[in-house]
Amino acid sequence: QVQLVESGGGLVQTGGSLRLSCAASGSIVSINSMGWYRQAPGKQRELVARITNTGITNYVDSVMGRFTISRDNVKNAVYLQMNSLKPEDTAVYYCNIFPAIRSFWGQGTQVTVSS
């Protein structure tokens, strides 16, 4: 029943910025902790950032200071503002609750950072 749709990805040069959006089909953003995940070719999917239902945020060390996760309970959406992008940020980005539920994975949105 739960559907999560990611958008906002694209091609950007090193040092550029992108804002990713995640639209939820149900009122889950205000109930659960939410996370942004990414998977690069040949690598395991990793948690990039998470936000609790009380607004507490956490980030993986590699994106600390560059990425900001936020949520809008009225719009039932989660966002990821990405600044100072690096080629190693290139991946497909997904949103999900935290901890992730396997059946909730959507198609993701591709982020490509050129050097």
PDB file of N, CA and C in Angstrom:
ATOM      1  N   GLN A   1       0.818  -1.207   0.000  1.00  0.00           N
ATOM      2  CA  GLN A   1       0.000   0.000   0.000  1.00  0.00           C
ATOM      3  C   GLN A   1       0.857   1.266   0.000  1.00  0.00           C
ATOM      4  N   VAL A   2       1.998   1.210   0.667  1.00  0.00           N
ATOM      5  CA  VAL A   2       2.882   2.366   0.751  1.00  0.00           C
ATOM      6  C   VAL A   2       3.654   2.525  -0.553  1.00  0.00           C
ATOM      7  N   GLN A   3       3.647   3.738  -1.081  1.00  0.00           N
ATOM      8  CA  GLN A   3       4.401   4.074  -2.276  1.00  0.00           C
ATOM      9  C   GLN A   3       5.258   5.300  -1.997  1.00  0.00           C
ATOM     10  N   LEU A   4       6.521   5.224  -2.381  1.00  0.00           N
ATOM     11  CA  LEU A   4       7.455   6.320  -2.221  1.00  0.00           C
ATOM     12  C   LEU A   4       8.036   6.647  -3.590  1.00  0.00           C
ATOM     13  N   VAL A   5       7.908   7.898  -4.011  1.00  0.00           N
ATOM     14  CA  VAL A   5       8.345   8.322  -5.332  1.00  0.00           C
ATOM     15  C   VAL A   5       9.406   9.395  -5.198  1.00  0.00           C
ATOM     16  N   GLU A   6      10.612   9.095  -5.700  1.00  0.00           N
ATOM     17  CA  GLU A   6      11.725  10.025  -5.647  1.00  0.00           C
ATOM     18  C   GLU A   6      11.807  10.844  -6.933  1.00  0.00           C
ATOM     19  N   SER A   7      12.286  12.072  -6.823  1.00  0.00           N
ATOM     20  CA  SER A   7      12.476  12.931  -7.979  1.00  0.00           C
ATOM     21  C   SER A   7      13.551  13.963  -7.674  1.00  0.00           C
ATOM     22  N   GLY A   8      14.007  14.660  -8.706  1.00  0.00           N
ATOM     23  CA  GLY A   8      14.956  15.743  -8.524  1.00  0.00           C
ATOM     24  C   GLY A   8      16.386  15.437  -8.922  1.00  0.00           C
ATOM     25  N   GLY A   9      16.668  14.200  -9.294  1.00  0.00           N
ATOM     26  CA  GLY A   9      18.016  13.841  -9.699  1.00  0.00           C
ATOM     27  C   GLY A   9      18.365  14.416 -11.058  1.00  0.00           C
ATOM     28  N   GLY A  10      19.636  14.288 -11.426  1.00  0.00           N
ATOM     29  CA  GLY A  10      20.085  14.798 -12.701  1.00  0.00           C
ATOM     30  C   GLY A  10      21.588  14.794 -12.807  1.00  0.00           C
ATOM     31  N   LEU A  11      22.077  15.455 -13.841  1.00  0.00           N
ATOM     32  CA  LEU A  11      23.511  15.575 -14.093  1.00  0.00           C
ATOM     33  C   LEU A  11      23.987  16.940 -13.634  1.00  0.00           C
ATOM     34  N   VAL A  12      25.026  16.953 -12.813  1.00  0.00           N
ATOM     35  CA  VAL A  12      25.558  18.199 -12.284  1.00  0.00           C
ATOM     36  C   VAL A  12      27.078  18.115 -12.232  1.00  0.00           C
ATOM     37  N   GLN A  13      27.733  19.253 -12.344  1.00  0.00           N
ATOM     38  CA  GLN A  13      29.189  19.299 -12.261  1.00  0.00           C
ATOM     39  C   GLN A  13      29.657  19.287 -10.812  1.00  0.00           C
ATOM     40  N   THR A  14      30.901  18.905 -10.614  1.00  0.00           N
ATOM     41  CA  THR A  14      31.493  18.919  -9.285  1.00  0.00           C
ATOM     42  C   THR A  14      31.324  20.294  -8.643  1.00  0.00           C
ATOM     43  N   GLY A  15      30.860  20.301  -7.391  1.00  0.00           N
ATOM     44  CA  GLY A  15      30.625  21.551  -6.682  1.00  0.00           C
ATOM     45  C   GLY A  15      29.215  22.076  -6.811  1.00  0.00           C
ATOM     46  N   GLY A  16      28.413  21.465  -7.661  1.00  0.00           N
ATOM     47  CA  GLY A  16      27.046  21.897  -7.869  1.00  0.00           C
ATOM     48  C   GLY A  16      26.101  21.406  -6.793  1.00  0.00           C
ATOM     49  N   SER A  17      24.815  21.734  -6.963  1.00  0.00           N
ATOM     50  CA  SER A  17      23.798  21.390  -5.977  1.00  0.00           C
ATOM     51  C   SER A  17      22.574  20.767  -6.630  1.00  0.00           C
ATOM     52  N   LEU A  18      21.887  19.924  -5.876  1.00  0.00           N
ATOM     53  CA  LEU A  18      20.624  19.331  -6.282  1.00  0.00           C
ATOM     54  C   LEU A  18      19.740  19.193  -5.052  1.00  0.00           C
ATOM     55  N   ARG A  19      18.430  19.245  -5.252  1.00  0.00           N
ATOM     56  CA  ARG A  19      17.491  18.977  -4.177  1.00  0.00           C
ATOM     57  C   ARG A  19      16.593  17.818  -4.585  1.00  0.00           C
ATOM     58  N   LEU A  20      16.654  16.742  -3.835  1.00  0.00           N
ATOM     59  CA  LEU A  20      15.843  15.570  -4.089  1.00  0.00           C
ATOM     60  C   LEU A  20      14.556  15.634  -3.273  1.00  0.00           C
ATOM     61  N   SER A  21      13.476  15.122  -3.857  1.00  0.00           N
ATOM     62  CA  SER A  21      12.190  15.091  -3.183  1.00  0.00           C
ATOM     63  C   SER A  21      11.671  13.664  -3.119  1.00  0.00           C
ATOM     64  N   CYS A  22      10.946  13.355  -2.065  1.00  0.00           N
ATOM     65  CA  CYS A  22      10.333  12.050  -1.879  1.00  0.00           C
ATOM     66  C   CYS A  22       8.892  12.262  -1.474  1.00  0.00           C
ATOM     67  N   ALA A  23       7.962  11.832  -2.328  1.00  0.00           N
ATOM     68  CA  ALA A  23       6.538  11.955  -2.053  1.00  0.00           C
ATOM     69  C   ALA A  23       5.993  10.620  -1.571  1.00  0.00           C
ATOM     70  N   ALA A  24       5.305  10.630  -0.444  1.00  0.00           N
ATOM     71  CA  ALA A  24       4.751   9.419   0.145  1.00  0.00           C
ATOM     72  C   ALA A  24       3.259   9.321  -0.131  1.00  0.00           C
ATOM     73  N   SER A  25       2.778   8.092  -0.370  1.00  0.00           N
ATOM     74  CA  SER A  25       1.368   7.876  -0.670  1.00  0.00           C
ATOM     75  C   SER A  25       0.495   7.895   0.577  1.00  0.00           C
ATOM     76  N   GLY A  26       1.075   7.623   1.721  1.00  0.00           N
ATOM     77  CA  GLY A  26       0.357   7.610   2.976  1.00  0.00           C
ATOM     78  C   GLY A  26       0.989   8.540   3.986  1.00  0.00           C
ATOM     79  N   SER A  27       0.309   8.726   5.088  1.00  0.00           N
ATOM     80  CA  SER A  27       0.795   9.621   6.134  1.00  0.00           C
ATOM     81  C   SER A  27       1.808   8.895   7.011  1.00  0.00           C
ATOM     82  N   ILE A  28       2.978   8.664   6.461  1.00  0.00           N
ATOM     83  CA  ILE A  28       4.015   7.933   7.170  1.00  0.00           C
ATOM     84  C   ILE A  28       5.171   8.824   7.614  1.00  0.00           C
ATOM     85  N   VAL A  29       5.326   9.983   6.991  1.00  0.00           N
ATOM     86  CA  VAL A  29       6.459  10.852   7.284  1.00  0.00           C
ATOM     87  C   VAL A  29       6.429  11.330   8.731  1.00  0.00           C
ATOM     88  N   SER A  30       5.255  11.668   9.229  1.00  0.00           N
ATOM     89  CA  SER A  30       5.129  12.167  10.591  1.00  0.00           C
ATOM     90  C   SER A  30       5.179  11.055  11.630  1.00  0.00           C
ATOM     91  N   ILE A  31       5.010   9.823  11.197  1.00  0.00           N
ATOM     92  CA  ILE A  31       4.944   8.681  12.109  1.00  0.00           C
ATOM     93  C   ILE A  31       6.304   8.010  12.284  1.00  0.00           C
ATOM     94  N   ASN A  32       7.036   7.886  11.187  1.00  0.00           N
ATOM     95  CA  ASN A  32       8.287   7.129  11.180  1.00  0.00           C
ATOM     96  C   ASN A  32       9.512   8.012  11.032  1.00  0.00           C
ATOM     97  N   SER A  33      10.648   7.478  11.419  1.00  0.00           N
ATOM     98  CA  SER A  33      11.907   8.061  11.000  1.00  0.00           C
ATOM     99  C   SER A  33      12.068   7.790   9.504  1.00  0.00           C
ATOM    100  N   MET A  34      12.577   8.762   8.765  1.00  0.00           N
ATOM    101  CA  MET A  34      12.745   8.635   7.329  1.00  0.00           C
ATOM    102  C   MET A  34      14.220   8.722   6.975  1.00  0.00           C
ATOM    103  N   GLY A  35      14.585   8.064   5.878  1.00  0.00           N
ATOM    104  CA  GLY A  35      15.978   8.071   5.464  1.00  0.00           C
ATOM    105  C   GLY A  35      16.137   8.203   3.967  1.00  0.00           C
ATOM    106  N   TRP A  36      17.262   8.760   3.572  1.00  0.00           N
ATOM    107  CA  TRP A  36      17.704   8.757   2.184  1.00  0.00           C
ATOM    108  C   TRP A  36      18.847   7.758   2.070  1.00  0.00           C
ATOM    109  N   TYR A  37      18.777   6.911   1.055  1.00  0.00           N
ATOM    110  CA  TYR A  37      19.771   5.885   0.804  1.00  0.00           C
ATOM    111  C   TYR A  37      20.312   6.049  -0.609  1.00  0.00           C
ATOM    112  N   ARG A  38      21.490   5.507  -0.881  1.00  0.00           N
ATOM    113  CA  ARG A  38      22.026   5.551  -2.230  1.00  0.00           C
ATOM    114  C   ARG A  38      22.774   4.265  -2.541  1.00  0.00           C
ATOM    115  N   GLN A  39      22.820   3.929  -3.828  1.00  0.00           N
ATOM    116  CA  GLN A  39      23.530   2.751  -4.283  1.00  0.00           C
ATOM    117  C   GLN A  39      24.271   3.068  -5.569  1.00  0.00           C
ATOM    118  N   ALA A  40      25.585   2.958  -5.520  1.00  0.00           N
ATOM    119  CA  ALA A  40      26.425   3.133  -6.687  1.00  0.00           C
ATOM    120  C   ALA A  40      26.658   1.778  -7.344  1.00  0.00           C
ATOM    121  N   PRO A  41      26.967   1.742  -8.647  1.00  0.00           N
ATOM    122  CA  PRO A  41      27.210   0.466  -9.331  1.00  0.00           C
ATOM    123  C   PRO A  41      28.289  -0.355  -8.645  1.00  0.00           C
ATOM    124  N   GLY A  42      27.993  -1.629  -8.380  1.00  0.00           N
ATOM    125  CA  GLY A  42      28.951  -2.522  -7.761  1.00  0.00           C
ATOM    126  C   GLY A  42      29.134  -2.340  -6.269  1.00  0.00           C
ATOM    127  N   LYS A  43      28.334  -1.493  -5.657  1.00  0.00           N
ATOM    128  CA  LYS A  43      28.453  -1.244  -4.226  1.00  0.00           C
ATOM    129  C   LYS A  43      27.140  -1.534  -3.506  1.00  0.00           C
ATOM    130  N   GLN A  44      27.236  -1.731  -2.203  1.00  0.00           N
ATOM    131  CA  GLN A  44      26.062  -1.968  -1.384  1.00  0.00           C
ATOM    132  C   GLN A  44      25.284  -0.671  -1.186  1.00  0.00           C
ATOM    133  N   ARG A  45      23.973  -0.809  -1.025  1.00  0.00           N
ATOM    134  CA  ARG A  45      23.164   0.355  -0.713  1.00  0.00           C
ATOM    135  C   ARG A  45      23.493   0.837   0.697  1.00  0.00           C
ATOM    136  N   GLU A  46      23.657   2.141   0.853  1.00  0.00           N
ATOM    137  CA  GLU A  46      24.026   2.699   2.134  1.00  0.00           C
ATOM    138  C   GLU A  46      23.072   3.808   2.562  1.00  0.00           C
ATOM    139  N   LEU A  47      22.925   3.951   3.855  1.00  0.00           N
ATOM    140  CA  LEU A  47      22.139   5.042   4.413  1.00  0.00           C
ATOM    141  C   LEU A  47      22.968   6.318   4.360  1.00  0.00           C
ATOM    142  N   VAL A  48      22.403   7.369   3.785  1.00  0.00           N
ATOM    143  CA  VAL A  48      23.092   8.646   3.655  1.00  0.00           C
ATOM    144  C   VAL A  48      22.692   9.606   4.761  1.00  0.00           C
ATOM    145  N   ALA A  49      21.393   9.704   5.013  1.00  0.00           N
ATOM    146  CA  ALA A  49      20.877  10.630   6.013  1.00  0.00           C
ATOM    147  C   ALA A  49      19.556  10.115   6.554  1.00  0.00           C
ATOM    148  N   ARG A  50      19.233  10.472   7.787  1.00  0.00           N
ATOM    149  CA  ARG A  50      17.960  10.092   8.370  1.00  0.00           C
ATOM    150  C   ARG A  50      17.433  11.225   9.235  1.00  0.00           C
ATOM    151  N   ILE A  51      16.130  11.239   9.416  1.00  0.00           N
ATOM    152  CA  ILE A  51      15.488  12.230  10.259  1.00  0.00           C
ATOM    153  C   ILE A  51      14.388  11.544  11.050  1.00  0.00           C
ATOM    154  N   THR A  52      14.345  11.778  12.350  1.00  0.00           N
ATOM    155  CA  THR A  52      13.344  11.158  13.202  1.00  0.00           C
ATOM    156  C   THR A  52      12.038  11.930  13.132  1.00  0.00           C
ATOM    157  N   ASN A  53      10.997  11.368  13.752  1.00  0.00           N
ATOM    158  CA  ASN A  53       9.706  12.047  13.763  1.00  0.00           C
ATOM    159  C   ASN A  53       9.706  13.281  14.656  1.00  0.00           C
ATOM    160  N   THR A  54      10.791  13.486  15.399  1.00  0.00           N
ATOM    161  CA  THR A  54      10.933  14.680  16.218  1.00  0.00           C
ATOM    162  C   THR A  54      11.907  15.687  15.616  1.00  0.00           C
ATOM    163  N   GLY A  55      12.458  15.371  14.432  1.00  0.00           N
ATOM    164  CA  GLY A  55      13.309  16.303  13.725  1.00  0.00           C
ATOM    165  C   GLY A  55      14.796  16.139  13.941  1.00  0.00           C
ATOM    166  N   ILE A  56      15.221  15.116  14.656  1.00  0.00           N
ATOM    167  CA  ILE A  56      16.642  14.868  14.862  1.00  0.00           C
ATOM    168  C   ILE A  56      17.236  14.249  13.604  1.00  0.00           C
ATOM    169  N   THR A  57      18.365  14.782  13.147  1.00  0.00           N
ATOM    170  CA  THR A  57      18.988  14.323  11.912  1.00  0.00           C
ATOM    171  C   THR A  57      20.331  13.666  12.161  1.00  0.00           C
ATOM    172  N   ASN A  58      20.690  12.734  11.270  1.00  0.00           N
ATOM    173  CA  ASN A  58      21.984  12.064  11.302  1.00  0.00           C
ATOM    174  C   ASN A  58      22.462  11.880   9.873  1.00  0.00           C
ATOM    175  N   TYR A  59      23.793  11.910   9.691  1.00  0.00           N
ATOM    176  CA  TYR A  59      24.384  11.804   8.367  1.00  0.00           C
ATOM    177  C   TYR A  59      25.587  10.886   8.393  1.00  0.00           C
ATOM    178  N   VAL A  60      25.824  10.220   7.270  1.00  0.00           N
ATOM    179  CA  VAL A  60      27.049   9.467   7.115  1.00  0.00           C
ATOM    180  C   VAL A  60      28.200  10.466   7.014  1.00  0.00           C
ATOM    181  N   ASP A  61      29.370  10.081   7.513  1.00  0.00           N
ATOM    182  CA  ASP A  61      30.500  11.002   7.595  1.00  0.00           C
ATOM    183  C   ASP A  61      30.853  11.643   6.248  1.00  0.00           C
ATOM    184  N   SER A  62      30.715  10.895   5.167  1.00  0.00           N
ATOM    185  CA  SER A  62      31.145  11.374   3.864  1.00  0.00           C
ATOM    186  C   SER A  62      30.300  12.534   3.323  1.00  0.00           C
ATOM    187  N   VAL A  63      29.097  12.748   3.859  1.00  0.00           N
ATOM    188  CA  VAL A  63      28.236  13.832   3.395  1.00  0.00           C
ATOM    189  C   VAL A  63      28.017  14.893   4.460  1.00  0.00           C
ATOM    190  N   MET A  64      28.590  14.709   5.629  1.00  0.00           N
ATOM    191  CA  MET A  64      28.422  15.649   6.732  1.00  0.00           C
ATOM    192  C   MET A  64      28.850  17.050   6.303  1.00  0.00           C
ATOM    193  N   GLY A  65      27.978  18.017   6.554  1.00  0.00           N
ATOM    194  CA  GLY A  65      28.269  19.396   6.213  1.00  0.00           C
ATOM    195  C   GLY A  65      27.903  19.776   4.801  1.00  0.00           C
ATOM    196  N   ARG A  66      27.570  18.795   3.958  1.00  0.00           N
ATOM    197  CA  ARG A  66      27.216  19.063   2.567  1.00  0.00           C
ATOM    198  C   ARG A  66      25.749  18.779   2.262  1.00  0.00           C
ATOM    199  N   PHE A  67      25.177  17.767   2.922  1.00  0.00           N
ATOM    200  CA  PHE A  67      23.790  17.364   2.688  1.00  0.00           C
ATOM    201  C   PHE A  67      22.919  17.757   3.876  1.00  0.00           C
ATOM    202  N   THR A  68      21.651  18.070   3.590  1.00  0.00           N
ATOM    203  CA  THR A  68      20.684  18.384   4.633  1.00  0.00           C
ATOM    204  C   THR A  68      19.372  17.672   4.350  1.00  0.00           C
ATOM    205  N   ILE A  69      18.914  16.859   5.296  1.00  0.00           N
ATOM    206  CA  ILE A  69      17.636  16.171   5.161  1.00  0.00           C
ATOM    207  C   ILE A  69      16.570  16.958   5.919  1.00  0.00           C
ATOM    208  N   SER A  70      15.374  17.015   5.354  1.00  0.00           N
ATOM    209  CA  SER A  70      14.268  17.704   5.996  1.00  0.00           C
ATOM    210  C   SER A  70      12.961  17.005   5.644  1.00  0.00           C
ATOM    211  N   ARG A  71      11.907  17.318   6.369  1.00  0.00           N
ATOM    212  CA  ARG A  71      10.606  16.728   6.079  1.00  0.00           C
ATOM    213  C   ARG A  71       9.500  17.753   6.257  1.00  0.00           C
ATOM    214  N   ASP A  72       8.389  17.518   5.563  1.00  0.00           N
ATOM    215  CA  ASP A  72       7.214  18.371   5.631  1.00  0.00           C
ATOM    216  C   ASP A  72       6.033  17.457   5.920  1.00  0.00           C
ATOM    217  N   ASN A  73       5.549  17.479   7.149  1.00  0.00           N
ATOM    218  CA  ASN A  73       4.466  16.585   7.547  1.00  0.00           C
ATOM    219  C   ASN A  73       3.149  16.913   6.843  1.00  0.00           C
ATOM    220  N   VAL A  74       2.924  18.192   6.519  1.00  0.00           N
ATOM    221  CA  VAL A  74       1.699  18.592   5.835  1.00  0.00           C
ATOM    222  C   VAL A  74       1.682  18.037   4.416  1.00  0.00           C
ATOM    223  N   LYS A  75       2.800  18.157   3.721  1.00  0.00           N
ATOM    224  CA  LYS A  75       2.912  17.647   2.355  1.00  0.00           C
ATOM    225  C   LYS A  75       3.249  16.165   2.312  1.00  0.00           C
ATOM    226  N   ASN A  76       3.564  15.587   3.475  1.00  0.00           N
ATOM    227  CA  ASN A  76       3.945  14.175   3.562  1.00  0.00           C
ATOM    228  C   ASN A  76       5.114  13.890   2.619  1.00  0.00           C
ATOM    229  N   ALA A  77       6.158  14.703   2.752  1.00  0.00           N
ATOM    230  CA  ALA A  77       7.306  14.608   1.862  1.00  0.00           C
ATOM    231  C   ALA A  77       8.609  14.737   2.639  1.00  0.00           C
ATOM    232  N   VAL A  78       9.664  14.187   2.056  1.00  0.00           N
ATOM    233  CA  VAL A  78      11.012  14.268   2.603  1.00  0.00           C
ATOM    234  C   VAL A  78      11.928  14.817   1.525  1.00  0.00           C
ATOM    235  N   TYR A  79      12.899  15.624   1.927  1.00  0.00           N
ATOM    236  CA  TYR A  79      13.786  16.269   0.977  1.00  0.00           C
ATOM    237  C   TYR A  79      15.240  16.029   1.354  1.00  0.00           C
ATOM    238  N   LEU A  80      16.105  16.108   0.355  1.00  0.00           N
ATOM    239  CA  LEU A  80      17.541  16.029   0.580  1.00  0.00           C
ATOM    240  C   LEU A  80      18.214  17.119  -0.241  1.00  0.00           C
ATOM    241  N   GLN A  81      18.695  18.147   0.433  1.00  0.00           N
ATOM    242  CA  GLN A  81      19.447  19.208  -0.214  1.00  0.00           C
ATOM    243  C   GLN A  81      20.906  18.791  -0.267  1.00  0.00           C
ATOM    244  N   MET A  82      21.469  18.728  -1.464  1.00  0.00           N
ATOM    245  CA  MET A  82      22.836  18.278  -1.660  1.00  0.00           C
ATOM    246  C   MET A  82      23.659  19.419  -2.246  1.00  0.00           C
ATOM    247  N   ASN A  83      24.672  19.849  -1.515  1.00  0.00           N
ATOM    248  CA  ASN A  83      25.565  20.913  -1.951  1.00  0.00           C
ATOM    249  C   ASN A  83      26.986  20.380  -2.071  1.00  0.00           C
ATOM    250  N   SER A  84      27.823  21.132  -2.772  1.00  0.00           N
ATOM    251  CA  SER A  84      29.235  20.764  -2.945  1.00  0.00           C
ATOM    252  C   SER A  84      29.387  19.323  -3.398  1.00  0.00           C
ATOM    253  N   LEU A  85      28.635  18.953  -4.406  1.00  0.00           N
ATOM    254  CA  LEU A  85      28.614  17.570  -4.867  1.00  0.00           C
ATOM    255  C   LEU A  85      29.961  17.130  -5.433  1.00  0.00           C
ATOM    256  N   LYS A  86      30.281  15.866  -5.206  1.00  0.00           N
ATOM    257  CA  LYS A  86      31.520  15.255  -5.651  1.00  0.00           C
ATOM    258  C   LYS A  86      31.212  14.066  -6.552  1.00  0.00           C
ATOM    259  N   PRO A  87      32.157  13.673  -7.423  1.00  0.00           N
ATOM    260  CA  PRO A  87      31.922  12.505  -8.278  1.00  0.00           C
ATOM    261  C   PRO A  87      31.553  11.248  -7.499  1.00  0.00           C
ATOM    262  N   GLU A  88      32.095  11.069  -6.299  1.00  0.00           N
ATOM    263  CA  GLU A  88      31.786   9.897  -5.498  1.00  0.00           C
ATOM    264  C   GLU A  88      30.358   9.890  -4.956  1.00  0.00           C
ATOM    265  N   ASP A  89      29.625  10.989  -5.137  1.00  0.00           N
ATOM    266  CA  ASP A  89      28.214  11.039  -4.766  1.00  0.00           C
ATOM    267  C   ASP A  89      27.329  10.423  -5.843  1.00  0.00           C
ATOM    268  N   THR A  90      27.897  10.110  -6.995  1.00  0.00           N
ATOM    269  CA  THR A  90      27.137   9.531  -8.094  1.00  0.00           C
ATOM    270  C   THR A  90      26.520   8.197  -7.674  1.00  0.00           C
ATOM    271  N   ALA A  91      25.205   8.093  -7.790  1.00  0.00           N
ATOM    272  CA  ALA A  91      24.481   6.902  -7.361  1.00  0.00           C
ATOM    273  C   ALA A  91      23.000   7.081  -7.659  1.00  0.00           C
ATOM    274  N   VAL A  92      22.239   6.004  -7.486  1.00  0.00           N
ATOM    275  CA  VAL A  92      20.793   6.098  -7.486  1.00  0.00           C
ATOM    276  C   VAL A  92      20.356   6.331  -6.049  1.00  0.00           C
ATOM    277  N   TYR A  93      19.563   7.354  -5.830  1.00  0.00           N
ATOM    278  CA  TYR A  93      19.134   7.730  -4.491  1.00  0.00           C
ATOM    279  C   TYR A  93      17.694   7.291  -4.242  1.00  0.00           C
ATOM    280  N   TYR A  94      17.458   6.714  -3.068  1.00  0.00           N
ATOM    281  CA  TYR A  94      16.152   6.200  -2.686  1.00  0.00           C
ATOM    282  C   TYR A  94      15.739   6.769  -1.332  1.00  0.00           C
ATOM    283  N   CYS A  95      14.445   6.868  -1.105  1.00  0.00           N
ATOM    284  CA  CYS A  95      13.948   7.188   0.222  1.00  0.00           C
ATOM    285  C   CYS A  95      13.200   5.984   0.772  1.00  0.00           C
ATOM    286  N   ASN A  96      13.118   5.892   2.076  1.00  0.00           N
ATOM    287  CA  ASN A  96      12.429   4.818   2.751  1.00  0.00           C
ATOM    288  C   ASN A  96      12.287   5.222   4.212  1.00  0.00           C
ATOM    289  N   ILE A  97      11.533   4.452   4.954  1.00  0.00           N
ATOM    290  CA  ILE A  97      11.525   4.675   6.388  1.00  0.00           C
ATOM    291  C   ILE A  97      12.842   4.175   6.954  1.00  0.00           C
ATOM    292  N   PHE A  98      13.109   4.459   8.230  1.00  0.00           N
ATOM    293  CA  PHE A  98      14.281   3.936   8.886  1.00  0.00           C
ATOM    294  C   PHE A  98      13.850   3.207  10.144  1.00  0.00           C
ATOM    295  N   PRO A  99      14.246   1.947  10.298  1.00  0.00           N
ATOM    296  CA  PRO A  99      14.957   1.088   9.346  1.00  0.00           C
ATOM    297  C   PRO A  99      14.114   0.803   8.098  1.00  0.00           C
ATOM    298  N   ALA A 100      14.766   0.560   6.985  1.00  0.00           N
ATOM    299  CA  ALA A 100      14.093   0.380   5.710  1.00  0.00           C
ATOM    300  C   ALA A 100      13.268  -0.897   5.664  1.00  0.00           C
ATOM    301  N   ILE A 101      12.145  -0.837   4.959  1.00  0.00           N
ATOM    302  CA  ILE A 101      11.312  -1.991   4.656  1.00  0.00           C
ATOM    303  C   ILE A 101      11.529  -2.352   3.201  1.00  0.00           C
ATOM    304  N   ARG A 102      11.886  -3.602   2.928  1.00  0.00           N
ATOM    305  CA  ARG A 102      12.263  -4.020   1.577  1.00  0.00           C
ATOM    306  C   ARG A 102      11.189  -3.740   0.538  1.00  0.00           C
ATOM    307  N   SER A 103       9.928  -3.977   0.869  1.00  0.00           N
ATOM    308  CA  SER A 103       8.846  -3.801  -0.091  1.00  0.00           C
ATOM    309  C   SER A 103       8.540  -2.335  -0.387  1.00  0.00           C
ATOM    310  N   PHE A 104       9.127  -1.423   0.361  1.00  0.00           N
ATOM    311  CA  PHE A 104       8.870   0.000   0.175  1.00  0.00           C
ATOM    312  C   PHE A 104       9.779   0.650  -0.860  1.00  0.00           C
ATOM    313  N   TRP A 105      10.839  -0.032  -1.278  1.00  0.00           N
ATOM    314  CA  TRP A 105      11.785   0.561  -2.229  1.00  0.00           C
ATOM    315  C   TRP A 105      11.099   0.949  -3.533  1.00  0.00           C
ATOM    316  N   GLY A 106      11.330   2.183  -3.992  1.00  0.00           N
ATOM    317  CA  GLY A 106      10.812   2.645  -5.266  1.00  0.00           C
ATOM    318  C   GLY A 106      11.866   2.536  -6.348  1.00  0.00           C
ATOM    319  N   GLN A 107      11.691   3.312  -7.421  1.00  0.00           N
ATOM    320  CA  GLN A 107      12.639   3.267  -8.534  1.00  0.00           C
ATOM    321  C   GLN A 107      13.874   4.119  -8.291  1.00  0.00           C
ATOM    322  N   GLY A 108      13.793   5.046  -7.371  1.00  0.00           N
ATOM    323  CA  GLY A 108      14.912   5.919  -7.078  1.00  0.00           C
ATOM    324  C   GLY A 108      15.078   7.005  -8.126  1.00  0.00           C
ATOM    325  N   THR A 109      16.049   7.879  -7.893  1.00  0.00           N
ATOM    326  CA  THR A 109      16.365   8.940  -8.842  1.00  0.00           C
ATOM    327  C   THR A 109      17.877   9.006  -9.024  1.00  0.00           C
ATOM    328  N   GLN A 110      18.317   9.074 -10.266  1.00  0.00           N
ATOM    329  CA  GLN A 110      19.737   9.029 -10.591  1.00  0.00           C
ATOM    330  C   GLN A 110      20.397  10.385 -10.377  1.00  0.00           C
ATOM    331  N   VAL A 111      21.511  10.372  -9.659  1.00  0.00           N
ATOM    332  CA  VAL A 111      22.346  11.554  -9.478  1.00  0.00           C
ATOM    333  C   VAL A 111      23.710  11.256 -10.078  1.00  0.00           C
ATOM    334  N   THR A 112      24.134  12.074 -11.028  1.00  0.00           N
ATOM    335  CA  THR A 112      25.427  11.906 -11.664  1.00  0.00           C
ATOM    336  C   THR A 112      26.223  13.196 -11.529  1.00  0.00           C
ATOM    337  N   VAL A 113      27.411  13.087 -10.953  1.00  0.00           N
ATOM    338  CA  VAL A 113      28.276  14.244 -10.741  1.00  0.00           C
ATOM    339  C   VAL A 113      29.516  14.079 -11.606  1.00  0.00           C
ATOM    340  N   SER A 114      29.722  14.996 -12.534  1.00  0.00           N
ATOM    341  CA  SER A 114      30.860  14.939 -13.435  1.00  0.00           C
ATOM    342  C   SER A 114      32.017  15.764 -12.883  1.00  0.00           C
ATOM    343  N   SER A 115      33.241  15.339 -13.184  1.00  0.00           N
ATOM    344  CA  SER A 115      34.429  16.028 -12.723  1.00  0.00           C
ATOM    345  C   SER A 115      34.982  16.962 -13.779  1.00  0.00           C
TER     346      SER A 115
END
